[in-house]
Each structure stands twice: as C-alpha cells, then as structure tokens.
Amino acid sequence: MRISINDISCEVEVRGSGQPILFIHGFPLDHTMWNSQLDCFSQSYQVIAPDLRGFGQSHVTTGTVSMNQYSHDLNEILDQLNITEPVILCGLSMGGYISWEFIRNYPDRVKAIILCDTRAAADSPEAVGNRMKMIETIQTEGTAPVTTVMLPKLFSTESLKNRQEIVNKIKETILNTLTVGIVAALRGMAERPDSTELLSSIQKPTLLIVGEEDQLTPVDEMQGMANQIPDAEITVIKGAGHMSPMECPDQVNEAIKTFLDTHNLE
C-alpha cells in the first residue's frame, strides 16, 4: 500500500494480524529482502515491511537522509496504520542503525528487538572515507560499481557459489535504485552517532542474529554487542554471510520463532 508520511509517499507491505513486527531493510535494498520472513510470520503476526525513503517504490529525497529521519518515517508509518501497541523491531545492517534511533526516539513503541548483521559503533574515519569515495564513484558512474564492491562482501562463499538467484536479486535491486537515494543514505550512515552507550540500557527482550561468515559485521563484534545488552540472546547462522535472512531463511526464521515463543511475544 501507499502511505503519505512527512514529505514523501512510501510503499509498505502489510500482511496478517496480531502482534506487529516491523521489518527494516538494509542498504541499498528494499523490503523484498524480507520475503521469506514475511511469508513465515504473516501466518501468526501482523508484518509491516516498508521501502525506506529513497529505496524500492518509495519516493526519494536528495541531500542527506539521517538514521534519525528514517526512524521518524517509521513512527509516522505506524501512526498511519493506526498501530498503537508496541512493535517487535527487526532490522538488518542499516536497518539496525535505524533501530537504534527508533529505540532512542520512541522507546514506548518497542516491545522487543531483533538485530541482524549490524553494529552499534559509528563509522571509523576509514569507513567514512570509503563511503565518500563510493559517493564520488556513484555520481560519475552510477550504481553498477556498487554491486562490484558490495556483492562479494554481502554473501558467504557458499552463497556466492551456489545461491546465484539471491545474489542476482540483490544485484538487480541495487541497479534499479536511484543514485540520489543511495547517496543520501551513504551520507546519513557516515554521520550516524555511536550507539554503543545505548546497549547497557536496553530493557527489552533482544535477539541478535549474525551470519557465520559475515565480513561486514563479524560474529565477534555482534557477540560483543550481545554481551553489553542485558539478557540478550545471539544466534550464529552457519553458511551465511551478511544477508543471513535471505541466505539461510529457514535457520533465521527458526531462530526468530524460538525467540518469540520463549518470550511469549504473540
């Protein structure tokens, strides 16, 4: 469905009924990366999966889109859908960065947290520099170089070799994304605050999921986050890289289901 929020029109997939789960996609993707999770959890929950501004079928804004802005967009989406009960947040990578801001801004709207292949720390100076270089490349050559740089880092060796359909799907998604949307998100990620200090104050049930071969947010880093969040659980997905929900959907869905059942989050 189309929802008008703040200054844009946003595409949102909504399915099922019951306890709402808000799925927040990674960079530079769209809500379809969650298709396996939407199919699974729409049977028992209300699943909500927006295309973030600048991605998928949502309108694009130029300049910089901060993680804070994305969080306000999500809040407005929930308002427009008349969802008043707290939601289960589920974000991957950039979706995790946005989740931190949503937790800061709207703590009463959060019932539980699922963080996939993400980090709490801000970008290092080297990472900021790499984002700026990518912006320059995109502005002169388009989105094709993004696929060259990112695809080998997004997937496990096994996925790159034997799961070509999901690799091609991500490649197509990136190629079809407007450059101004990608650039705005890159600037927003480069400027995002460090969220490490937030971890120890989280009082919601929390599950961390990480691919065993994740190069971008490695197991050790996510384990360190789990150690700082009170009573957080962590599941390592064998055979997966950074895109664990797509690479090993059955394992990820089972981890989420066990977490939801354990905490009676239905």
Protein backbone atom coordinates (compact mmCIF):
# COMPACT_ATOMS: atom_id res chain seq x y z
CA MET A 1 0.00 0.00 0.00
CA ARG A 2 0.99 3.65 -0.43
CA ILE A 3 1.26 5.78 2.68
CA SER A 4 1.94 9.52 2.75
CA ILE A 5 4.41 10.28 5.52
CA ASN A 6 6.09 13.57 6.33
CA ASP A 7 7.14 14.88 2.89
CA ILE A 8 7.10 11.65 0.83
CA SER A 9 4.94 8.79 -0.35
CA CYS A 10 6.10 5.42 0.98
CA GLU A 11 5.44 1.87 -0.21
CA VAL A 12 4.65 -0.53 2.65
CA GLU A 13 3.77 -4.22 2.62
CA VAL A 14 1.36 -5.17 5.40
CA ARG A 15 0.15 -8.72 5.95
CA GLY A 16 -1.51 -10.80 8.64
CA SER A 17 -2.90 -9.82 12.02
CA GLY A 18 -1.84 -9.93 15.64
CA GLN A 19 1.32 -8.67 17.33
CA PRO A 20 3.04 -6.33 14.83
CA ILE A 21 6.60 -7.00 13.62
CA LEU A 22 8.28 -4.09 11.83
CA PHE A 23 10.94 -5.26 9.34
CA ILE A 24 13.58 -2.64 8.38
CA HIS A 25 15.68 -3.47 5.33
CA GLY A 26 19.39 -2.92 4.80
CA PHE A 27 21.38 -0.75 2.38
CA PRO A 28 20.92 -0.38 -0.56
CA LEU A 29 17.97 -2.76 -0.73
CA ASP A 30 14.20 -2.76 -0.32
CA HIS A 31 11.56 -4.58 1.72
CA THR A 32 11.62 -7.67 -0.54
CA MET A 33 14.80 -8.86 1.17
CA TRP A 34 12.42 -9.99 3.95
CA ASN A 35 10.11 -12.03 1.70
CA SER A 36 10.88 -15.35 3.41
CA GLN A 37 10.23 -13.81 6.84
CA LEU A 38 7.03 -12.12 5.67
CA ASP A 39 5.72 -15.41 4.29
CA CYS A 40 6.57 -17.20 7.53
CA PHE A 41 5.42 -14.76 10.19
CA SER A 42 2.33 -13.30 8.49
CA GLN A 43 0.59 -16.55 9.48
CA SER A 44 0.60 -15.56 13.17
CA TYR A 45 1.65 -11.89 13.30
CA GLN A 46 0.98 -8.61 11.55
CA VAL A 47 4.09 -8.00 9.47
CA ILE A 48 4.97 -4.50 8.29
CA ALA A 49 7.78 -4.03 5.78
CA PRO A 50 8.32 -0.56 4.29
CA ASP A 51 10.57 0.56 1.49
CA LEU A 52 12.62 3.24 3.23
CA ARG A 53 12.70 6.66 1.58
CA GLY A 54 14.95 6.55 -1.47
CA PHE A 55 14.61 2.79 -1.92
CA GLY A 56 12.24 0.40 -3.64
CA GLN A 57 9.00 2.10 -4.63
CA SER A 58 9.18 4.89 -2.04
CA HIS A 59 9.91 8.45 -3.03
CA VAL A 60 13.47 9.69 -2.93
CA THR A 61 14.85 12.79 -1.23
CA THR A 62 18.14 14.42 -2.13
CA GLY A 63 21.00 15.52 0.11
CA THR A 64 21.37 13.52 3.32
CA VAL A 65 18.85 11.22 4.96
CA SER A 66 19.84 10.62 8.57
CA MET A 67 19.10 7.48 10.54
CA ASN A 68 17.05 9.77 12.76
CA GLN A 69 14.88 10.78 9.79
CA TYR A 70 14.26 7.17 8.85
CA SER A 71 13.14 6.48 12.43
CA HIS A 72 10.65 9.35 12.26
CA ASP A 73 9.35 7.93 8.98
CA LEU A 74 8.75 4.56 10.64
CA ASN A 75 6.90 6.22 13.50
CA GLU A 76 4.67 8.03 11.02
CA ILE A 77 4.00 4.77 9.14
CA LEU A 78 2.82 3.14 12.36
CA ASP A 79 0.58 6.13 13.06
CA GLN A 80 -0.90 5.99 9.56
CA LEU A 81 -1.60 2.27 10.01
CA ASN A 82 -3.30 3.01 13.36
CA ILE A 83 -0.91 0.73 15.21
CA THR A 84 -0.89 1.75 18.84
CA GLU A 85 0.60 -1.32 20.54
CA PRO A 86 4.40 -1.68 20.84
CA VAL A 87 6.06 -3.44 17.91
CA ILE A 88 8.80 -6.01 17.55
CA LEU A 89 11.62 -4.26 15.67
CA CYS A 90 13.60 -6.37 13.21
CA GLY A 91 16.38 -4.58 11.32
CA LEU A 92 19.32 -5.73 9.21
CA SER A 93 22.54 -3.73 8.78
CA MET A 94 21.39 -0.13 8.09
CA GLY A 95 18.04 -1.28 9.43
CA GLY A 96 19.87 -1.88 12.71
CA TYR A 97 21.30 1.64 12.68
CA ILE A 98 17.76 2.95 12.21
CA SER A 99 16.54 0.69 15.02
CA TRP A 100 18.91 2.39 17.48
CA GLU A 101 17.38 5.76 16.62
CA PHE A 102 13.85 4.38 16.86
CA ILE A 103 14.64 2.95 20.31
CA ARG A 104 16.00 6.34 21.41
CA ASN A 105 13.11 8.36 19.99
CA TYR A 106 10.17 6.04 20.60
CA PRO A 107 11.02 3.61 23.43
CA ASP A 108 7.36 3.09 24.32
CA ARG A 109 6.66 1.82 20.80
CA VAL A 110 9.17 -1.06 21.15
CA LYS A 111 8.19 -4.41 22.64
CA ALA A 112 11.23 -6.46 21.57
CA ILE A 113 14.27 -6.11 19.32
CA ILE A 114 15.78 -8.37 16.65
CA LEU A 115 19.05 -7.15 15.15
CA CYS A 116 20.50 -8.94 12.14
CA ASP A 117 24.07 -8.45 10.91
CA THR A 118 24.55 -4.91 12.21
CA ARG A 119 26.65 -2.87 14.63
CA ALA A 120 26.26 -0.23 17.32
CA ALA A 121 29.52 1.66 16.73
CA ALA A 122 29.69 4.72 14.49
CA ASP A 123 31.78 4.67 11.33
CA SER A 124 35.52 4.85 11.79
CA PRO A 125 37.33 7.62 9.88
CA GLU A 126 38.37 4.98 7.35
CA ALA A 127 34.77 3.82 6.89
CA VAL A 128 33.59 7.42 6.43
CA GLY A 129 36.30 7.89 3.81
CA ASN A 130 35.18 4.75 1.98
CA ARG A 131 31.58 5.99 1.92
CA MET A 132 32.71 9.33 0.50
CA LYS A 133 34.69 7.53 -2.21
CA MET A 134 31.65 5.44 -3.06
CA ILE A 135 29.55 8.60 -3.35
CA GLU A 136 32.04 10.09 -5.82
CA THR A 137 32.03 6.89 -7.86
CA ILE A 138 28.23 6.67 -7.92
CA GLN A 139 27.88 10.28 -9.00
CA THR A 140 30.12 9.69 -12.00
CA GLU A 141 29.48 6.04 -12.90
CA GLY A 142 26.02 5.17 -11.50
CA THR A 143 25.11 2.21 -9.31
CA ALA A 144 26.89 -0.58 -11.21
CA PRO A 145 30.18 -0.13 -9.26
CA VAL A 146 28.22 -0.54 -6.02
CA THR A 147 27.37 -4.12 -7.00
CA THR A 148 31.01 -4.84 -7.83
CA VAL A 149 32.15 -3.60 -4.42
CA MET A 150 29.33 -4.89 -2.25
CA LEU A 151 28.21 -8.28 -3.55
CA PRO A 152 31.37 -10.20 -2.54
CA LYS A 153 31.02 -8.71 0.97
CA LEU A 154 27.31 -9.42 1.38
CA PHE A 155 27.33 -13.18 0.91
CA SER A 156 29.12 -16.25 2.17
CA THR A 157 31.38 -18.25 -0.11
CA GLU A 158 28.67 -20.90 -0.33
CA SER A 159 26.01 -18.37 -1.34
CA LEU A 160 28.20 -16.76 -4.00
CA LYS A 161 28.86 -20.19 -5.46
CA ASN A 162 25.52 -21.99 -5.15
CA ARG A 163 22.77 -19.44 -4.45
CA GLN A 164 23.05 -17.32 -7.55
CA GLU A 165 19.35 -16.49 -7.56
CA ILE A 166 19.57 -14.41 -4.38
CA VAL A 167 22.85 -12.81 -5.45
CA ASN A 168 21.22 -11.80 -8.75
CA LYS A 169 18.15 -10.50 -6.93
CA ILE A 170 20.25 -8.20 -4.77
CA LYS A 171 22.26 -7.08 -7.79
CA GLU A 172 19.07 -6.21 -9.66
CA THR A 173 17.69 -4.33 -6.65
CA ILE A 174 20.84 -2.21 -6.38
CA LEU A 175 20.94 -1.48 -10.11
CA ASN A 176 17.31 -0.34 -10.02
CA THR A 177 17.83 2.03 -7.08
CA LEU A 178 18.14 5.73 -7.84
CA THR A 179 21.63 7.11 -7.25
CA VAL A 180 20.35 10.08 -5.23
CA GLY A 181 18.70 7.69 -2.75
CA ILE A 182 21.87 5.66 -2.33
CA VAL A 183 23.99 8.79 -1.90
CA ALA A 184 21.60 10.27 0.68
CA ALA A 185 21.71 7.07 2.74
CA LEU A 186 25.50 6.82 2.50
CA ARG A 187 25.82 10.34 3.89
CA GLY A 188 23.35 9.50 6.64
CA MET A 189 25.25 6.37 7.65
CA ALA A 190 28.56 8.24 7.65
CA GLU A 191 27.12 10.85 10.03
CA ARG A 192 25.26 8.49 12.36
CA PRO A 193 26.05 8.65 16.09
CA ASP A 194 27.72 5.93 18.07
CA SER A 195 25.07 3.81 19.81
CA THR A 196 27.36 1.72 21.99
CA GLU A 197 26.31 3.61 25.14
CA LEU A 198 22.69 2.63 24.45
CA LEU A 199 23.32 -1.10 24.74
CA SER A 200 23.51 -1.45 28.53
CA SER A 201 20.26 0.49 28.99
CA ILE A 202 18.11 -1.74 26.76
CA GLN A 203 15.43 -3.42 28.87
CA LYS A 204 13.53 -5.18 26.06
CA PRO A 205 13.89 -8.82 25.00
CA THR A 206 16.67 -8.77 22.39
CA LEU A 207 17.88 -11.27 19.82
CA LEU A 208 20.99 -10.80 17.70
CA ILE A 209 21.42 -12.83 14.50
CA VAL A 210 24.67 -12.96 12.56
CA GLY A 211 25.96 -14.94 9.61
CA GLU A 212 28.93 -17.16 10.44
CA GLU A 213 30.87 -15.65 7.51
CA ASP A 214 29.68 -12.05 7.84
CA GLN A 215 32.58 -9.86 6.68
CA LEU A 216 30.91 -6.51 7.39
CA THR A 217 29.64 -7.08 10.94
CA PRO A 218 31.54 -10.16 12.12
CA VAL A 219 30.45 -12.65 14.74
CA ASP A 220 32.94 -11.33 17.32
CA GLU A 221 31.60 -7.79 17.02
CA MET A 222 27.98 -8.86 17.38
CA GLN A 223 28.88 -11.13 20.29
CA GLY A 224 30.44 -8.09 21.95
CA MET A 225 27.17 -6.21 21.48
CA ALA A 226 25.18 -9.12 22.92
CA ASN A 227 27.44 -9.13 25.97
CA GLN A 228 26.54 -5.48 26.66
CA ILE A 229 22.76 -5.80 26.24
CA PRO A 230 21.15 -7.24 29.41
CA ASP A 231 19.96 -10.81 28.81
CA ALA A 232 20.42 -10.56 25.04
CA GLU A 233 20.48 -13.77 23.01
CA ILE A 234 22.61 -14.36 19.91
CA THR A 235 22.30 -16.92 17.14
CA VAL A 236 25.08 -17.59 14.61
CA ILE A 237 23.76 -18.74 11.24
CA LYS A 238 26.01 -21.34 9.64
CA GLY A 239 26.66 -20.97 5.92
CA ALA A 240 25.52 -17.33 5.85
CA GLY A 241 27.27 -14.03 5.31
CA HIS A 242 25.85 -10.54 5.85
CA MET A 243 22.50 -11.36 4.24
CA SER A 244 21.56 -14.18 6.60
CA PRO A 245 17.74 -13.75 6.30
CA MET A 246 18.00 -14.34 2.55
CA GLU A 247 20.84 -16.84 2.52
CA CYS A 248 19.51 -19.18 5.21
CA PRO A 249 15.88 -18.19 5.72
CA ASP A 250 14.81 -21.41 7.44
CA GLN A 251 17.53 -21.08 10.09
CA VAL A 252 16.81 -17.39 10.63
CA ASN A 253 13.05 -17.95 10.82
CA GLU A 254 13.54 -20.75 13.35
CA ALA A 255 15.77 -18.52 15.49
CA ILE A 256 13.19 -15.73 15.41
CA LYS A 257 10.31 -18.13 16.13
CA THR A 258 12.12 -19.65 19.11
CA PHE A 259 12.86 -16.16 20.46
CA LEU A 260 9.25 -15.01 20.05
CA ASP A 261 7.87 -18.18 21.63
CA THR A 262 10.32 -18.08 24.55
CA HIS A 263 9.26 -14.53 25.44
CA ASN A 264 5.54 -15.08 24.69
CA LEU A 265 5.67 -12.32 22.08
CA GLU A 266 2.47 -13.20 20.30
